[in-house]
Amino acid sequence: FNTLSQFRASSQQYYIPRMFSSSVLRIARAAASYPAVGRVSIGAARRTVAASPAVSPSPAATSSDAPPSVFDKIVKITVIDPSGARRVIPAYVGQTLYDACSTSNVDLGPSSIGSPQQKVRSSTWTEPLYGEGATSGFDHVILQSGNKGVQLVEPPHSNEIKMLEVYWDDDEIFPESRLASQVEISKDMDGLVVYVPDRIVDDIP
C-alpha cells in the first residue's frame, strides 16, 4: 500500500463482506439445530386446520337478543269510558290496573285499598297472606273476556266479590266485573280492553 488511506480502504472492503458472511453462517447454524421441528409443526398445524370440519356457532353465539328495555315491561290497554270514548293508555307489568288508570288520569273513583288476602303461587299452592282485601267497591271495571291475560289473572277473592255486591246492583255486575285495584297487570294483558261503567257517587260528606 502506498498510502495509509489506501490501506484503510482496502481493510474496510475486506472486513465488511467477511463480517456479513460470518453473521449469515451463525444464523444458518442456529437454524440447523432444529429445522425439522419448526417446519413439521407448522405444516402439521396447517394440515390439521384445513382438514378439521367447520364448527357451527352455537345458538347462544348467534342469538341476536337485544338488551333488556323498559318497553318490555309496558303493555297497552284500551279504556272505554261511559260515553263510549276510547283511550289507549300504557301500563307497567306488575302494577295494578287502578294505578295504571290513575297515572293516565282515568277516573275510577276511590281505590279499594287493602292488603291481599292470599296469593296464588302455583296450580297447587295458594299462600294465605291474611290481608283485609278490598275495603270498598268504587273502582268497578269490566274486563274484556277474550284477552289471554284476563284468563290467567288471579280470580277475585271473597272480599272483592262482597264489595261488588254491596256497592253495585245485580244488573250492573257481570262475570267479567272486577275491582281495578285488585287486578295486577301482566305481559299477556297487552291489548286488553277495559270498560268503565257509570261512576257511583263517592263524594257525599
C-alpha atoms as a PDB file:
ATOM      1  CA  PHE A   1       0.000   0.000   0.000  1.00  0.00           C
ATOM      2  CA  ASN A   2       1.374   3.345  -0.996  1.00  0.00           C
ATOM      3  CA  THR A   3      -0.556   5.405   1.486  1.00  0.00           C
ATOM      4  CA  LEU A   4      -2.342   4.963   4.772  1.00  0.00           C
ATOM      5  CA  SER A   5      -5.683   5.893   3.197  1.00  0.00           C
ATOM      6  CA  GLN A   6      -5.333   3.077   0.619  1.00  0.00           C
ATOM      7  CA  PHE A   7      -4.660   0.586   3.431  1.00  0.00           C
ATOM      8  CA  ARG A   8      -7.740   1.666   5.366  1.00  0.00           C
ATOM      9  CA  ALA A   9      -9.977   1.466   2.284  1.00  0.00           C
ATOM     10  CA  SER A  10      -8.709  -1.993   1.478  1.00  0.00           C
ATOM     11  CA  SER A  11      -9.278  -3.165   5.079  1.00  0.00           C
ATOM     12  CA  GLN A  12     -12.867  -1.940   5.127  1.00  0.00           C
ATOM     13  CA  GLN A  13     -13.669  -3.632   1.798  1.00  0.00           C
ATOM     14  CA  TYR A  14     -12.281  -6.923   3.162  1.00  0.00           C
ATOM     15  CA  TYR A  15     -13.756  -6.692   6.645  1.00  0.00           C
ATOM     16  CA  ILE A  16     -17.401  -5.806   5.820  1.00  0.00           C
ATOM     17  CA  PRO A  17     -18.100  -8.772   3.478  1.00  0.00           C
ATOM     18  CA  ARG A  18     -16.363 -11.105   5.936  1.00  0.00           C
ATOM     19  CA  MET A  19     -18.455  -9.778   8.858  1.00  0.00           C
ATOM     20  CA  PHE A  20     -21.671 -10.220   6.823  1.00  0.00           C
ATOM     21  CA  SER A  21     -20.766 -13.794   5.820  1.00  0.00           C
ATOM     22  CA  SER A  22     -19.980 -14.647   9.460  1.00  0.00           C
ATOM     23  CA  SER A  23     -23.404 -13.409  10.574  1.00  0.00           C
ATOM     24  CA  VAL A  24     -25.151 -15.448   7.903  1.00  0.00           C
ATOM     25  CA  LEU A  25     -23.180 -18.516   8.941  1.00  0.00           C
ATOM     26  CA  ARG A  26     -24.206 -18.159  12.597  1.00  0.00           C
ATOM     27  CA  ILE A  27     -27.873 -17.823  11.662  1.00  0.00           C
ATOM     28  CA  ALA A  28     -27.666 -20.888   9.425  1.00  0.00           C
ATOM     29  CA  ARG A  29     -26.003 -22.958  12.173  1.00  0.00           C
ATOM     30  CA  ALA A  30     -28.628 -21.916  14.706  1.00  0.00           C
ATOM     31  CA  ALA A  31     -31.469 -22.853  12.332  1.00  0.00           C
ATOM     32  CA  ALA A  32     -29.795 -26.165  11.503  1.00  0.00           C
ATOM     33  CA  SER A  33     -30.067 -27.284  15.131  1.00  0.00           C
ATOM     34  CA  TYR A  34     -33.920 -27.558  14.940  1.00  0.00           C
ATOM     35  CA  PRO A  35     -35.059 -27.285  11.308  1.00  0.00           C
ATOM     36  CA  ALA A  36     -37.409 -30.235  11.219  1.00  0.00           C
ATOM     37  CA  VAL A  37     -39.325 -29.310  14.349  1.00  0.00           C
ATOM     38  CA  GLY A  38     -40.324 -25.912  13.110  1.00  0.00           C
ATOM     39  CA  ARG A  39     -41.227 -26.999   9.589  1.00  0.00           C
ATOM     40  CA  VAL A  40     -43.088 -30.144  10.618  1.00  0.00           C
ATOM     41  CA  SER A  41     -45.095 -28.485  13.393  1.00  0.00           C
ATOM     42  CA  ILE A  42     -46.163 -25.571  11.195  1.00  0.00           C
ATOM     43  CA  GLY A  43     -47.019 -27.842   8.283  1.00  0.00           C
ATOM     44  CA  ALA A  44     -48.899 -30.255  10.533  1.00  0.00           C
ATOM     45  CA  ALA A  45     -50.816 -27.412  12.091  1.00  0.00           C
ATOM     46  CA  ARG A  46     -51.817 -26.100   8.684  1.00  0.00           C
ATOM     47  CA  ARG A  47     -52.961 -29.541   7.534  1.00  0.00           C
ATOM     48  CA  THR A  48     -54.907 -30.097  10.755  1.00  0.00           C
ATOM     49  CA  VAL A  49     -56.737 -26.796  10.460  1.00  0.00           C
ATOM     50  CA  ALA A  50     -57.526 -27.404   6.798  1.00  0.00           C
ATOM     51  CA  ALA A  51     -58.829 -30.915   7.452  1.00  0.00           C
ATOM     52  CA  SER A  52     -60.898 -30.102  10.549  1.00  0.00           C
ATOM     53  CA  PRO A  53     -64.649 -29.694   9.959  1.00  0.00           C
ATOM     54  CA  ALA A  54     -66.158 -26.274  10.267  1.00  0.00           C
ATOM     55  CA  VAL A  55     -67.638 -25.687  13.699  1.00  0.00           C
ATOM     56  CA  SER A  56     -71.093 -24.160  13.523  1.00  0.00           C
ATOM     57  CA  PRO A  57     -71.681 -21.390  16.040  1.00  0.00           C
ATOM     58  CA  SER A  58     -73.884 -22.277  18.980  1.00  0.00           C
ATOM     59  CA  PRO A  59     -77.385 -20.806  19.220  1.00  0.00           C
ATOM     60  CA  ALA A  60     -76.239 -18.659  22.103  1.00  0.00           C
ATOM     61  CA  ALA A  61     -73.463 -17.182  19.976  1.00  0.00           C
ATOM     62  CA  THR A  62     -75.777 -16.400  17.056  1.00  0.00           C
ATOM     63  CA  SER A  63     -78.554 -15.106  19.228  1.00  0.00           C
ATOM     64  CA  SER A  64     -79.491 -11.545  18.445  1.00  0.00           C
ATOM     65  CA  ASP A  65     -81.247 -10.949  21.737  1.00  0.00           C
ATOM     66  CA  ALA A  66     -81.331  -7.266  22.446  1.00  0.00           C
ATOM     67  CA  PRO A  67     -80.511  -5.957  25.912  1.00  0.00           C
ATOM     68  CA  PRO A  68     -83.456  -5.538  28.294  1.00  0.00           C
ATOM     69  CA  SER A  69     -85.572  -2.480  27.717  1.00  0.00           C
ATOM     70  CA  VAL A  70     -88.234  -0.696  29.738  1.00  0.00           C
ATOM     71  CA  PHE A  71     -90.584  -1.214  26.803  1.00  0.00           C
ATOM     72  CA  ASP A  72     -90.505  -4.951  27.542  1.00  0.00           C
ATOM     73  CA  LYS A  73     -92.406  -4.148  30.751  1.00  0.00           C
ATOM     74  CA  ILE A  74     -95.067  -1.913  29.206  1.00  0.00           C
ATOM     75  CA  VAL A  75     -98.389  -3.033  27.744  1.00  0.00           C
ATOM     76  CA  LYS A  76    -101.116  -1.024  26.078  1.00  0.00           C
ATOM     77  CA  ILE A  77    -104.650  -1.020  27.434  1.00  0.00           C
ATOM     78  CA  THR A  78    -107.738   0.465  25.804  1.00  0.00           C
ATOM     79  CA  VAL A  79    -110.123   2.148  28.216  1.00  0.00           C
ATOM     80  CA  ILE A  80    -113.737   2.812  27.181  1.00  0.00           C
ATOM     81  CA  ASP A  81    -115.499   5.392  29.350  1.00  0.00           C
ATOM     82  CA  PRO A  82    -119.281   5.539  29.930  1.00  0.00           C
ATOM     83  CA  SER A  83    -119.731   7.835  26.920  1.00  0.00           C
ATOM     84  CA  GLY A  84    -118.134   5.245  24.614  1.00  0.00           C
ATOM     85  CA  ALA A  85    -114.922   7.218  24.065  1.00  0.00           C
ATOM     86  CA  ARG A  86    -111.834   5.062  23.670  1.00  0.00           C
ATOM     87  CA  ARG A  87    -108.393   5.853  25.020  1.00  0.00           C
ATOM     88  CA  VAL A  88    -105.186   3.833  24.860  1.00  0.00           C
ATOM     89  CA  ILE A  89    -103.016   4.083  27.970  1.00  0.00           C
ATOM     90  CA  PRO A  90     -99.700   2.469  28.943  1.00  0.00           C
ATOM     91  CA  ALA A  91     -99.471   0.118  31.905  1.00  0.00           C
ATOM     92  CA  TYR A  92     -96.416  -1.330  33.615  1.00  0.00           C
ATOM     93  CA  VAL A  93     -96.227  -5.061  34.246  1.00  0.00           C
ATOM     94  CA  GLY A  94     -96.650  -5.684  37.973  1.00  0.00           C
ATOM     95  CA  GLN A  95     -98.692  -2.606  38.858  1.00  0.00           C
ATOM     96  CA  THR A  96    -102.433  -2.658  39.414  1.00  0.00           C
ATOM     97  CA  LEU A  97    -104.967  -1.668  36.795  1.00  0.00           C
ATOM     98  CA  TYR A  98    -106.112   1.114  39.123  1.00  0.00           C
ATOM     99  CA  ASP A  99    -102.598   2.590  39.305  1.00  0.00           C
ATOM    100  CA  ALA A 100    -102.255   2.457  35.517  1.00  0.00           C
ATOM    101  CA  CYS A 101    -105.545   4.315  35.058  1.00  0.00           C
ATOM    102  CA  SER A 102    -104.714   6.818  37.790  1.00  0.00           C
ATOM    103  CA  THR A 103    -101.337   7.607  36.174  1.00  0.00           C
ATOM    104  CA  SER A 104    -103.123   8.406  32.895  1.00  0.00           C
ATOM    105  CA  ASN A 105    -105.831  10.476  34.658  1.00  0.00           C
ATOM    106  CA  VAL A 106    -108.615   7.955  34.121  1.00  0.00           C
ATOM    107  CA  ASP A 107    -111.123   8.465  36.935  1.00  0.00           C
ATOM    108  CA  LEU A 108    -112.176   5.214  38.592  1.00  0.00           C
ATOM    109  CA  GLY A 109    -113.229   6.669  41.919  1.00  0.00           C
ATOM    110  CA  PRO A 110    -111.549   5.836  45.236  1.00  0.00           C
ATOM    111  CA  SER A 111    -109.301   2.815  45.310  1.00  0.00           C
ATOM    112  CA  SER A 112    -110.314  -0.354  47.135  1.00  0.00           C
ATOM    113  CA  ILE A 113    -107.275  -0.163  49.376  1.00  0.00           C
ATOM    114  CA  GLY A 114    -106.406  -3.301  51.297  1.00  0.00           C
ATOM    115  CA  SER A 115    -103.662  -5.864  51.616  1.00  0.00           C
ATOM    116  CA  PRO A 116    -104.258  -9.048  49.596  1.00  0.00           C
ATOM    117  CA  GLN A 117    -105.952 -11.906  51.365  1.00  0.00           C
ATOM    118  CA  GLN A 118    -103.984 -14.562  49.522  1.00  0.00           C
ATOM    119  CA  LYS A 119    -101.672 -15.100  46.570  1.00  0.00           C
ATOM    120  CA  VAL A 120    -101.822 -17.931  44.066  1.00  0.00           C
ATOM    121  CA  ARG A 121     -98.240 -19.172  43.713  1.00  0.00           C
ATOM    122  CA  SER A 122     -98.911 -22.228  41.538  1.00  0.00           C
ATOM    123  CA  SER A 123    -101.686 -24.519  40.412  1.00  0.00           C
ATOM    124  CA  THR A 124    -101.332 -26.466  43.663  1.00  0.00           C
ATOM    125  CA  TRP A 125    -100.378 -23.786  46.185  1.00  0.00           C
ATOM    126  CA  THR A 126    -102.249 -20.680  47.304  1.00  0.00           C
ATOM    127  CA  GLU A 127    -100.399 -18.766  50.002  1.00  0.00           C
ATOM    128  CA  PRO A 128    -102.611 -17.126  52.682  1.00  0.00           C
ATOM    129  CA  LEU A 129    -101.463 -13.560  53.383  1.00  0.00           C
ATOM    130  CA  TYR A 130    -104.171 -12.667  55.909  1.00  0.00           C
ATOM    131  CA  GLY A 131    -104.788  -9.204  54.470  1.00  0.00           C
ATOM    132  CA  GLU A 132    -108.163  -7.481  54.656  1.00  0.00           C
ATOM    133  CA  GLY A 133    -108.588  -7.498  50.868  1.00  0.00           C
ATOM    134  CA  ALA A 134    -110.852  -4.970  49.165  1.00  0.00           C
ATOM    135  CA  THR A 135    -112.427  -2.441  51.535  1.00  0.00           C
ATOM    136  CA  SER A 136    -114.707  -0.631  49.054  1.00  0.00           C
ATOM    137  CA  GLY A 137    -116.214  -1.187  45.635  1.00  0.00           C
ATOM    138  CA  PHE A 138    -115.984   2.158  43.838  1.00  0.00           C
ATOM    139  CA  ASP A 139    -113.349   1.147  41.262  1.00  0.00           C
ATOM    140  CA  HIS A 140    -115.556  -1.296  39.372  1.00  0.00           C
ATOM    141  CA  VAL A 141    -114.441  -2.123  35.815  1.00  0.00           C
ATOM    142  CA  ILE A 142    -115.440  -4.744  33.266  1.00  0.00           C
ATOM    143  CA  LEU A 143    -112.580  -6.604  31.584  1.00  0.00           C
ATOM    144  CA  GLN A 144    -112.530  -7.980  28.047  1.00  0.00           C
ATOM    145  CA  SER A 145    -113.221 -11.678  28.480  1.00  0.00           C
ATOM    146  CA  GLY A 146    -111.314 -12.834  25.393  1.00  0.00           C
ATOM    147  CA  ASN A 147    -107.950 -11.417  26.490  1.00  0.00           C
ATOM    148  CA  LYS A 148    -105.362 -14.053  27.414  1.00  0.00           C
ATOM    149  CA  GLY A 149    -104.131 -12.052  30.400  1.00  0.00           C
ATOM    150  CA  VAL A 150    -107.648 -11.851  31.847  1.00  0.00           C
ATOM    151  CA  GLN A 151    -107.982 -15.619  31.608  1.00  0.00           C
ATOM    152  CA  LEU A 152    -104.727 -16.026  33.564  1.00  0.00           C
ATOM    153  CA  VAL A 153    -105.333 -13.323  36.167  1.00  0.00           C
ATOM    154  CA  GLU A 154    -105.931 -14.406  39.737  1.00  0.00           C
ATOM    155  CA  PRO A 155    -109.669 -14.871  40.411  1.00  0.00           C
ATOM    156  CA  PRO A 156    -111.435 -12.438  42.758  1.00  0.00           C
ATOM    157  CA  HIS A 157    -111.256 -13.128  46.459  1.00  0.00           C
ATOM    158  CA  SER A 158    -114.251 -13.233  48.778  1.00  0.00           C
ATOM    159  CA  ASN A 159    -113.896  -9.606  49.916  1.00  0.00           C
ATOM    160  CA  GLU A 160    -113.766  -8.336  46.327  1.00  0.00           C
ATOM    161  CA  ILE A 161    -116.932 -10.210  45.426  1.00  0.00           C
ATOM    162  CA  LYS A 162    -118.614  -8.928  48.580  1.00  0.00           C
ATOM    163  CA  MET A 163    -117.707  -5.300  47.848  1.00  0.00           C
ATOM    164  CA  LEU A 164    -119.040  -5.563  44.300  1.00  0.00           C
ATOM    165  CA  GLU A 165    -122.340  -6.919  45.593  1.00  0.00           C
ATOM    166  CA  VAL A 166    -122.584  -4.216  48.276  1.00  0.00           C
ATOM    167  CA  TYR A 167    -121.783  -1.247  46.052  1.00  0.00           C
ATOM    168  CA  TRP A 168    -123.417  -2.280  42.767  1.00  0.00           C
ATOM    169  CA  ASP A 169    -126.809  -3.627  41.728  1.00  0.00           C
ATOM    170  CA  ASP A 170    -127.165  -7.150  40.427  1.00  0.00           C
ATOM    171  CA  ASP A 171    -127.826  -5.985  36.854  1.00  0.00           C
ATOM    172  CA  GLU A 172    -124.585  -3.950  36.918  1.00  0.00           C
ATOM    173  CA  ILE A 173    -122.351  -6.881  37.834  1.00  0.00           C
ATOM    174  CA  PHE A 174    -121.076  -9.226  35.131  1.00  0.00           C
ATOM    175  CA  PRO A 175    -118.818 -12.304  35.157  1.00  0.00           C
ATOM    176  CA  GLU A 176    -116.014 -10.039  33.909  1.00  0.00           C
ATOM    177  CA  SER A 177    -116.555  -7.450  36.674  1.00  0.00           C
ATOM    178  CA  ARG A 178    -113.504  -6.701  38.810  1.00  0.00           C
ATOM    179  CA  LEU A 179    -112.190  -4.020  41.118  1.00  0.00           C
ATOM    180  CA  ALA A 180    -109.317  -2.294  39.311  1.00  0.00           C
ATOM    181  CA  SER A 181    -107.156  -2.110  42.433  1.00  0.00           C
ATOM    182  CA  GLN A 182    -107.290  -5.903  42.746  1.00  0.00           C
ATOM    183  CA  VAL A 183    -106.151  -6.675  39.182  1.00  0.00           C
ATOM    184  CA  GLU A 184    -102.387  -6.979  38.585  1.00  0.00           C
ATOM    185  CA  ILE A 185    -101.078  -6.148  35.121  1.00  0.00           C
ATOM    186  CA  SER A 186     -99.236  -8.941  33.299  1.00  0.00           C
ATOM    187  CA  LYS A 187     -97.413  -9.107  29.975  1.00  0.00           C
ATOM    188  CA  ASP A 188    -100.276 -11.139  28.496  1.00  0.00           C
ATOM    189  CA  MET A 189    -102.667  -8.233  29.024  1.00  0.00           C
ATOM    190  CA  ASP A 190    -101.249  -6.289  26.105  1.00  0.00           C
ATOM    191  CA  GLY A 191    -104.214  -5.062  24.041  1.00  0.00           C
ATOM    192  CA  LEU A 192    -106.697  -5.506  26.900  1.00  0.00           C
ATOM    193  CA  VAL A 193    -109.980  -3.580  26.616  1.00  0.00           C
ATOM    194  CA  VAL A 194    -111.441  -2.210  29.867  1.00  0.00           C
ATOM    195  CA  TYR A 195    -114.947  -0.790  30.101  1.00  0.00           C
ATOM    196  CA  VAL A 196    -115.608   1.763  32.846  1.00  0.00           C
ATOM    197  CA  PRO A 197    -119.286   1.877  33.872  1.00  0.00           C
ATOM    198  CA  ASP A 198    -121.024   4.995  35.161  1.00  0.00           C
ATOM    199  CA  ARG A 199    -119.420   6.036  38.426  1.00  0.00           C
ATOM    200  CA  ILE A 200    -121.388   5.939  41.629  1.00  0.00           C
ATOM    201  CA  VAL A 201    -121.393   8.939  43.929  1.00  0.00           C
ATOM    202  CA  ASP A 202    -118.350   8.889  46.176  1.00  0.00           C
ATOM    203  CA  ASP A 203    -118.124  12.485  47.418  1.00  0.00           C
ATOM    204  CA  ILE A 204    -121.100  12.696  49.792  1.00  0.00           C
ATOM    205  CA  PRO A 205    -119.887  14.351  53.013  1.00  0.00           C
END
